[in-house]
Amino acid sequence: MANSTTTGLQRIVIQQGRKTVHWVLHSLALLCIALGLLAAYKSHSLKLPVPIPNWYSPHSFLGLTTMALLAVQ
């Protein structure tokens, strides 16, 4: 990197900034997942006259598997 104009300290600051942005985006994704699960659970539980059972379709199991894989990651 002889032609680079950034110093070692500048590269560290840039890398830390990218890590912070990455962490914030992952945290927001986790919040969206939690809110989506809560909304789905509440909409099933509060349906009148008969509540819809939770975790009954392949779509719900696909979502659960996706969340599990995200947690493992």
PDB file of N, CA and C in Angstrom:
ATOM      1  N   MET A   1       0.819  -1.180   0.000  1.00  0.00           N
ATOM      2  CA  MET A   1       0.000   0.000   0.000  1.00  0.00           C
ATOM      3  C   MET A   1       0.870   1.253   0.000  1.00  0.00           C
ATOM      4  N   ALA A   2       1.847   1.256  -0.822  1.00  0.00           N
ATOM      5  CA  ALA A   2       2.758   2.395  -0.882  1.00  0.00           C
ATOM      6  C   ALA A   2       2.069   3.646  -1.408  1.00  0.00           C
ATOM      7  N   ASN A   3       1.057   3.483  -2.238  1.00  0.00           N
ATOM      8  CA  ASN A   3       0.372   4.631  -2.819  1.00  0.00           C
ATOM      9  C   ASN A   3      -0.825   5.081  -1.989  1.00  0.00           C
ATOM     10  N   SER A   4      -1.096   4.420  -0.908  1.00  0.00           N
ATOM     11  CA  SER A   4      -2.250   4.765  -0.093  1.00  0.00           C
ATOM     12  C   SER A   4      -1.998   6.058   0.670  1.00  0.00           C
ATOM     13  N   THR A   5      -3.027   6.880   0.764  1.00  0.00           N
ATOM     14  CA  THR A   5      -2.891   8.147   1.476  1.00  0.00           C
ATOM     15  C   THR A   5      -3.437   8.055   2.898  1.00  0.00           C
ATOM     16  N   THR A   6      -3.988   6.915   3.278  1.00  0.00           N
ATOM     17  CA  THR A   6      -4.514   6.770   4.634  1.00  0.00           C
ATOM     18  C   THR A   6      -3.441   6.176   5.530  1.00  0.00           C
ATOM     19  N   THR A   7      -3.409   6.663   6.738  1.00  0.00           N
ATOM     20  CA  THR A   7      -2.451   6.132   7.706  1.00  0.00           C
ATOM     21  C   THR A   7      -3.064   4.934   8.405  1.00  0.00           C
ATOM     22  N   GLY A   8      -2.282   4.262   9.192  1.00  0.00           N
ATOM     23  CA  GLY A   8      -2.770   3.116   9.946  1.00  0.00           C
ATOM     24  C   GLY A   8      -3.889   3.497  10.885  1.00  0.00           C
ATOM     25  N   LEU A   9      -3.778   4.643  11.530  1.00  0.00           N
ATOM     26  CA  LEU A   9      -4.811   5.101  12.455  1.00  0.00           C
ATOM     27  C   LEU A   9      -6.111   5.403  11.716  1.00  0.00           C
ATOM     28  N   GLN A  10      -6.010   5.997  10.544  1.00  0.00           N
ATOM     29  CA  GLN A  10      -7.214   6.291   9.757  1.00  0.00           C
ATOM     30  C   GLN A  10      -7.922   5.002   9.349  1.00  0.00           C
ATOM     31  N   ARG A  11      -7.148   3.981   8.969  1.00  0.00           N
ATOM     32  CA  ARG A  11      -7.747   2.700   8.594  1.00  0.00           C
ATOM     33  C   ARG A  11      -8.445   2.055   9.775  1.00  0.00           C
ATOM     34  N   ILE A  12      -7.876   2.172  10.954  1.00  0.00           N
ATOM     35  CA  ILE A  12      -8.498   1.612  12.154  1.00  0.00           C
ATOM     36  C   ILE A  12      -9.813   2.326  12.444  1.00  0.00           C
ATOM     37  N   VAL A  13      -9.815   3.654  12.305  1.00  0.00           N
ATOM     38  CA  VAL A  13     -11.038   4.433  12.551  1.00  0.00           C
ATOM     39  C   VAL A  13     -12.118   4.051  11.536  1.00  0.00           C
ATOM     40  N   ILE A  14     -11.748   3.898  10.275  1.00  0.00           N
ATOM     41  CA  ILE A  14     -12.705   3.508   9.235  1.00  0.00           C
ATOM     42  C   ILE A  14     -13.252   2.118   9.530  1.00  0.00           C
ATOM     43  N   GLN A  15     -12.377   1.196   9.911  1.00  0.00           N
ATOM     44  CA  GLN A  15     -12.803  -0.170  10.210  1.00  0.00           C
ATOM     45  C   GLN A  15     -13.752  -0.187  11.418  1.00  0.00           C
ATOM     46  N   GLN A  16     -13.449   0.576  12.446  1.00  0.00           N
ATOM     47  CA  GLN A  16     -14.317   0.641  13.624  1.00  0.00           C
ATOM     48  C   GLN A  16     -15.674   1.236  13.260  1.00  0.00           C
ATOM     49  N   GLY A  17     -15.678   2.224  12.386  1.00  0.00           N
ATOM     50  CA  GLY A  17     -16.939   2.816  11.929  1.00  0.00           C
ATOM     51  C   GLY A  17     -17.792   1.797  11.190  1.00  0.00           C
ATOM     52  N   ARG A  18     -17.163   1.001  10.341  1.00  0.00           N
ATOM     53  CA  ARG A  18     -17.890  -0.040   9.618  1.00  0.00           C
ATOM     54  C   ARG A  18     -18.437  -1.092  10.573  1.00  0.00           C
ATOM     55  N   LYS A  19     -17.655  -1.457  11.577  1.00  0.00           N
ATOM     56  CA  LYS A  19     -18.112  -2.433  12.560  1.00  0.00           C
ATOM     57  C   LYS A  19     -19.303  -1.887  13.346  1.00  0.00           C
ATOM     58  N   THR A  20     -19.262  -0.612  13.670  1.00  0.00           N
ATOM     59  CA  THR A  20     -20.363   0.000  14.406  1.00  0.00           C
ATOM     60  C   THR A  20     -21.633   0.008  13.556  1.00  0.00           C
ATOM     61  N   VAL A  21     -21.516   0.387  12.299  1.00  0.00           N
ATOM     62  CA  VAL A  21     -22.667   0.388  11.403  1.00  0.00           C
ATOM     63  C   VAL A  21     -23.223  -1.034  11.268  1.00  0.00           C
ATOM     64  N   HIS A  22     -22.355  -2.012  11.119  1.00  0.00           N
ATOM     65  CA  HIS A  22     -22.759  -3.412  11.007  1.00  0.00           C
ATOM     66  C   HIS A  22     -23.514  -3.848  12.259  1.00  0.00           C
ATOM     67  N   TRP A  23     -23.005  -3.499  13.422  1.00  0.00           N
ATOM     68  CA  TRP A  23     -23.650  -3.860  14.688  1.00  0.00           C
ATOM     69  C   TRP A  23     -25.026  -3.209  14.804  1.00  0.00           C
ATOM     70  N   VAL A  24     -25.116  -1.941  14.426  1.00  0.00           N
ATOM     71  CA  VAL A  24     -26.391  -1.219  14.508  1.00  0.00           C
ATOM     72  C   VAL A  24     -27.419  -1.860  13.567  1.00  0.00           C
ATOM     73  N   LEU A  25     -27.009  -2.188  12.353  1.00  0.00           N
ATOM     74  CA  LEU A  25     -27.938  -2.797  11.400  1.00  0.00           C
ATOM     75  C   LEU A  25     -28.414  -4.168  11.882  1.00  0.00           C
ATOM     76  N   HIS A  26     -27.520  -4.959  12.448  1.00  0.00           N
ATOM     77  CA  HIS A  26     -27.924  -6.258  12.992  1.00  0.00           C
ATOM     78  C   HIS A  26     -28.873  -6.086  14.178  1.00  0.00           C
ATOM     79  N   SER A  27     -28.628  -5.102  15.000  1.00  0.00           N
ATOM     80  CA  SER A  27     -29.520  -4.841  16.140  1.00  0.00           C
ATOM     81  C   SER A  27     -30.902  -4.426  15.664  1.00  0.00           C
ATOM     82  N   LEU A  28     -30.965  -3.585  14.643  1.00  0.00           N
ATOM     83  CA  LEU A  28     -32.257  -3.187  14.090  1.00  0.00           C
ATOM     84  C   LEU A  28     -32.981  -4.370  13.461  1.00  0.00           C
ATOM     85  N   ALA A  29     -32.239  -5.255  12.807  1.00  0.00           N
ATOM     86  CA  ALA A  29     -32.850  -6.453  12.230  1.00  0.00           C
ATOM     87  C   ALA A  29     -33.430  -7.344  13.324  1.00  0.00           C
ATOM     88  N   LEU A  30     -32.709  -7.491  14.414  1.00  0.00           N
ATOM     89  CA  LEU A  30     -33.197  -8.288  15.532  1.00  0.00           C
ATOM     90  C   LEU A  30     -34.458  -7.671  16.130  1.00  0.00           C
ATOM     91  N   LEU A  31     -34.501  -6.365  16.238  1.00  0.00           N
ATOM     92  CA  LEU A  31     -35.688  -5.683  16.742  1.00  0.00           C
ATOM     93  C   LEU A  31     -36.880  -5.906  15.806  1.00  0.00           C
ATOM     94  N   CYS A  32     -36.656  -5.822  14.501  1.00  0.00           N
ATOM     95  CA  CYS A  32     -37.732  -6.060  13.534  1.00  0.00           C
ATOM     96  C   CYS A  32     -38.248  -7.491  13.624  1.00  0.00           C
ATOM     97  N   ILE A  33     -37.350  -8.455  13.818  1.00  0.00           N
ATOM     98  CA  ILE A  33     -37.759  -9.850  13.971  1.00  0.00           C
ATOM     99  C   ILE A  33     -38.622 -10.012  15.210  1.00  0.00           C
ATOM    100  N   ALA A  34     -38.190  -9.431  16.311  1.00  0.00           N
ATOM    101  CA  ALA A  34     -38.947  -9.551  17.559  1.00  0.00           C
ATOM    102  C   ALA A  34     -40.327  -8.914  17.425  1.00  0.00           C
ATOM    103  N   LEU A  35     -40.406  -7.742  16.816  1.00  0.00           N
ATOM    104  CA  LEU A  35     -41.695  -7.075  16.624  1.00  0.00           C
ATOM    105  C   LEU A  35     -42.595  -7.866  15.674  1.00  0.00           C
ATOM    106  N   GLY A  36     -42.018  -8.451  14.637  1.00  0.00           N
ATOM    107  CA  GLY A  36     -42.790  -9.271  13.706  1.00  0.00           C
ATOM    108  C   GLY A  36     -43.358 -10.510  14.379  1.00  0.00           C
ATOM    109  N   LEU A  37     -42.545 -11.158  15.211  1.00  0.00           N
ATOM    110  CA  LEU A  37     -43.026 -12.332  15.951  1.00  0.00           C
ATOM    111  C   LEU A  37     -44.148 -11.955  16.908  1.00  0.00           C
ATOM    112  N   LEU A  38     -43.958 -10.853  17.602  1.00  0.00           N
ATOM    113  CA  LEU A  38     -44.979 -10.398  18.539  1.00  0.00           C
ATOM    114  C   LEU A  38     -46.283 -10.074  17.810  1.00  0.00           C
ATOM    115  N   ALA A  39     -46.187  -9.394  16.676  1.00  0.00           N
ATOM    116  CA  ALA A  39     -47.377  -9.043  15.906  1.00  0.00           C
ATOM    117  C   ALA A  39     -48.093 -10.291  15.395  1.00  0.00           C
ATOM    118  N   ALA A  40     -47.343 -11.270  14.896  1.00  0.00           N
ATOM    119  CA  ALA A  40     -47.956 -12.503  14.401  1.00  0.00           C
ATOM    120  C   ALA A  40     -48.617 -13.272  15.536  1.00  0.00           C
ATOM    121  N   TYR A  41     -47.934 -13.371  16.661  1.00  0.00           N
ATOM    122  CA  TYR A  41     -48.487 -14.094  17.807  1.00  0.00           C
ATOM    123  C   TYR A  41     -49.757 -13.420  18.315  1.00  0.00           C
ATOM    124  N   LYS A  42     -49.702 -12.093  18.446  1.00  0.00           N
ATOM    125  CA  LYS A  42     -50.865 -11.354  18.942  1.00  0.00           C
ATOM    126  C   LYS A  42     -52.040 -11.447  17.962  1.00  0.00           C
ATOM    127  N   SER A  43     -51.763 -11.333  16.661  1.00  0.00           N
ATOM    128  CA  SER A  43     -52.859 -11.376  15.690  1.00  0.00           C
ATOM    129  C   SER A  43     -53.515 -12.751  15.664  1.00  0.00           C
ATOM    130  N   HIS A  44     -52.743 -13.806  15.893  1.00  0.00           N
ATOM    131  CA  HIS A  44     -53.323 -15.151  15.959  1.00  0.00           C
ATOM    132  C   HIS A  44     -54.116 -15.329  17.243  1.00  0.00           C
ATOM    133  N   SER A  45     -53.584 -14.867  18.340  1.00  0.00           N
ATOM    134  CA  SER A  45     -54.213 -15.071  19.645  1.00  0.00           C
ATOM    135  C   SER A  45     -55.478 -14.228  19.830  1.00  0.00           C
ATOM    136  N   LEU A  46     -55.522 -13.060  19.226  1.00  0.00           N
ATOM    137  CA  LEU A  46     -56.637 -12.145  19.450  1.00  0.00           C
ATOM    138  C   LEU A  46     -57.735 -12.250  18.395  1.00  0.00           C
ATOM    139  N   LYS A  47     -57.582 -13.155  17.424  1.00  0.00           N
ATOM    140  CA  LYS A  47     -58.596 -13.282  16.370  1.00  0.00           C
ATOM    141  C   LYS A  47     -59.898 -13.805  16.952  1.00  0.00           C
ATOM    142  N   LEU A  48     -60.980 -13.151  16.584  1.00  0.00           N
ATOM    143  CA  LEU A  48     -62.299 -13.557  17.063  1.00  0.00           C
ATOM    144  C   LEU A  48     -63.095 -14.119  15.901  1.00  0.00           C
ATOM    145  N   PRO A  49     -63.959 -15.034  16.069  1.00  0.00           N
ATOM    146  CA  PRO A  49     -64.402 -15.659  17.315  1.00  0.00           C
ATOM    147  C   PRO A  49     -63.488 -16.789  17.774  1.00  0.00           C
ATOM    148  N   VAL A  50     -62.688 -17.356  16.878  1.00  0.00           N
ATOM    149  CA  VAL A  50     -61.829 -18.480  17.267  1.00  0.00           C
ATOM    150  C   VAL A  50     -60.375 -18.110  16.966  1.00  0.00           C
ATOM    151  N   PRO A  51     -59.490 -18.169  17.956  1.00  0.00           N
ATOM    152  CA  PRO A  51     -58.066 -17.869  17.705  1.00  0.00           C
ATOM    153  C   PRO A  51     -57.438 -18.864  16.728  1.00  0.00           C
ATOM    154  N   ILE A  52     -56.497 -18.395  15.954  1.00  0.00           N
ATOM    155  CA  ILE A  52     -55.765 -19.249  15.016  1.00  0.00           C
ATOM    156  C   ILE A  52     -54.611 -19.898  15.781  1.00  0.00           C
ATOM    157  N   PRO A  53     -54.390 -21.196  15.598  1.00  0.00           N
ATOM    158  CA  PRO A  53     -53.262 -21.826  16.290  1.00  0.00           C
ATOM    159  C   PRO A  53     -51.922 -21.281  15.760  1.00  0.00           C
ATOM    160  N   ASN A  54     -50.949 -21.180  16.650  1.00  0.00           N
ATOM    161  CA  ASN A  54     -49.615 -20.733  16.257  1.00  0.00           C
ATOM    162  C   ASN A  54     -48.794 -21.914  15.764  1.00  0.00           C
ATOM    163  N   TRP A  55     -47.837 -21.645  14.893  1.00  0.00           N
ATOM    164  CA  TRP A  55     -46.904 -22.639  14.367  1.00  0.00           C
ATOM    165  C   TRP A  55     -47.634 -23.805  13.706  1.00  0.00           C
ATOM    166  N   TYR A  56     -48.537 -23.504  12.792  1.00  0.00           N
ATOM    167  CA  TYR A  56     -49.321 -24.566  12.161  1.00  0.00           C
ATOM    168  C   TYR A  56     -49.014 -24.732  10.678  1.00  0.00           C
ATOM    169  N   SER A  57     -48.301 -23.812  10.075  1.00  0.00           N
ATOM    170  CA  SER A  57     -48.073 -23.878   8.633  1.00  0.00           C
ATOM    171  C   SER A  57     -46.579 -24.016   8.317  1.00  0.00           C
ATOM    172  N   PRO A  58     -46.264 -24.490   7.112  1.00  0.00           N
ATOM    173  CA  PRO A  58     -44.857 -24.547   6.694  1.00  0.00           C
ATOM    174  C   PRO A  58     -44.203 -23.156   6.696  1.00  0.00           C
ATOM    175  N   HIS A  59     -44.987 -22.128   6.399  1.00  0.00           N
ATOM    176  CA  HIS A  59     -44.466 -20.761   6.390  1.00  0.00           C
ATOM    177  C   HIS A  59     -43.978 -20.357   7.781  1.00  0.00           C
ATOM    178  N   SER A  60     -44.730 -20.727   8.822  1.00  0.00           N
ATOM    179  CA  SER A  60     -44.320 -20.372  10.180  1.00  0.00           C
ATOM    180  C   SER A  60     -43.058 -21.129  10.584  1.00  0.00           C
ATOM    181  N   PHE A  61     -42.951 -22.396  10.169  1.00  0.00           N
ATOM    182  CA  PHE A  61     -41.745 -23.160  10.492  1.00  0.00           C
ATOM    183  C   PHE A  61     -40.534 -22.666   9.713  1.00  0.00           C
ATOM    184  N   LEU A  62     -40.760 -22.177   8.506  1.00  0.00           N
ATOM    185  CA  LEU A  62     -39.663 -21.586   7.733  1.00  0.00           C
ATOM    186  C   LEU A  62     -39.145 -20.330   8.427  1.00  0.00           C
ATOM    187  N   GLY A  63     -40.064 -19.508   8.929  1.00  0.00           N
ATOM    188  CA  GLY A  63     -39.656 -18.310   9.667  1.00  0.00           C
ATOM    189  C   GLY A  63     -38.913 -18.649  10.940  1.00  0.00           C
ATOM    190  N   LEU A  64     -39.395 -19.660  11.657  1.00  0.00           N
ATOM    191  CA  LEU A  64     -38.734 -20.097  12.886  1.00  0.00           C
ATOM    192  C   LEU A  64     -37.333 -20.630  12.591  1.00  0.00           C
ATOM    193  N   THR A  65     -37.199 -21.389  11.514  1.00  0.00           N
ATOM    194  CA  THR A  65     -35.881 -21.909  11.112  1.00  0.00           C
ATOM    195  C   THR A  65     -34.937 -20.766  10.742  1.00  0.00           C
ATOM    196  N   THR A  66     -35.457 -19.769  10.047  1.00  0.00           N
ATOM    197  CA  THR A  66     -34.640 -18.612   9.669  1.00  0.00           C
ATOM    198  C   THR A  66     -34.135 -17.870  10.898  1.00  0.00           C
ATOM    199  N   MET A  67     -35.003 -17.697  11.880  1.00  0.00           N
ATOM    200  CA  MET A  67     -34.587 -17.015  13.118  1.00  0.00           C
ATOM    201  C   MET A  67     -33.543 -17.835  13.865  1.00  0.00           C
ATOM    202  N   ALA A  68     -33.710 -19.152  13.879  1.00  0.00           N
ATOM    203  CA  ALA A  68     -32.735 -20.010  14.550  1.00  0.00           C
ATOM    204  C   ALA A  68     -31.363 -19.915  13.871  1.00  0.00           C
ATOM    205  N   LEU A  69     -31.372 -19.911  12.540  1.00  0.00           N
ATOM    206  CA  LEU A  69     -30.106 -19.797  11.818  1.00  0.00           C
ATOM    207  C   LEU A  69     -29.460 -18.434  12.042  1.00  0.00           C
ATOM    208  N   LEU A  70     -30.256 -17.397  12.139  1.00  0.00           N
ATOM    209  CA  LEU A  70     -29.715 -16.071  12.442  1.00  0.00           C
ATOM    210  C   LEU A  70     -29.080 -16.061  13.836  1.00  0.00           C
ATOM    211  N   ALA A  71     -29.735 -16.719  14.787  1.00  0.00           N
ATOM    212  CA  ALA A  71     -29.197 -16.768  16.151  1.00  0.00           C
ATOM    213  C   ALA A  71     -27.883 -17.546  16.193  1.00  0.00           C
ATOM    214  N   VAL A  72     -27.799 -18.611  15.416  1.00  0.00           N
ATOM    215  CA  VAL A  72     -26.562 -19.425  15.392  1.00  0.00           C
ATOM    216  C   VAL A  72     -25.422 -18.646  14.752  1.00  0.00           C
ATOM    217  N   GLN A  73     -25.764 -17.820  13.778  1.00  0.00           N
ATOM    218  CA  GLN A  73     -24.751 -17.057  13.059  1.00  0.00           C
ATOM    219  C   GLN A  73     -24.015 -16.167  14.024  1.00  0.00           C
TER     220      GLN A  73
END
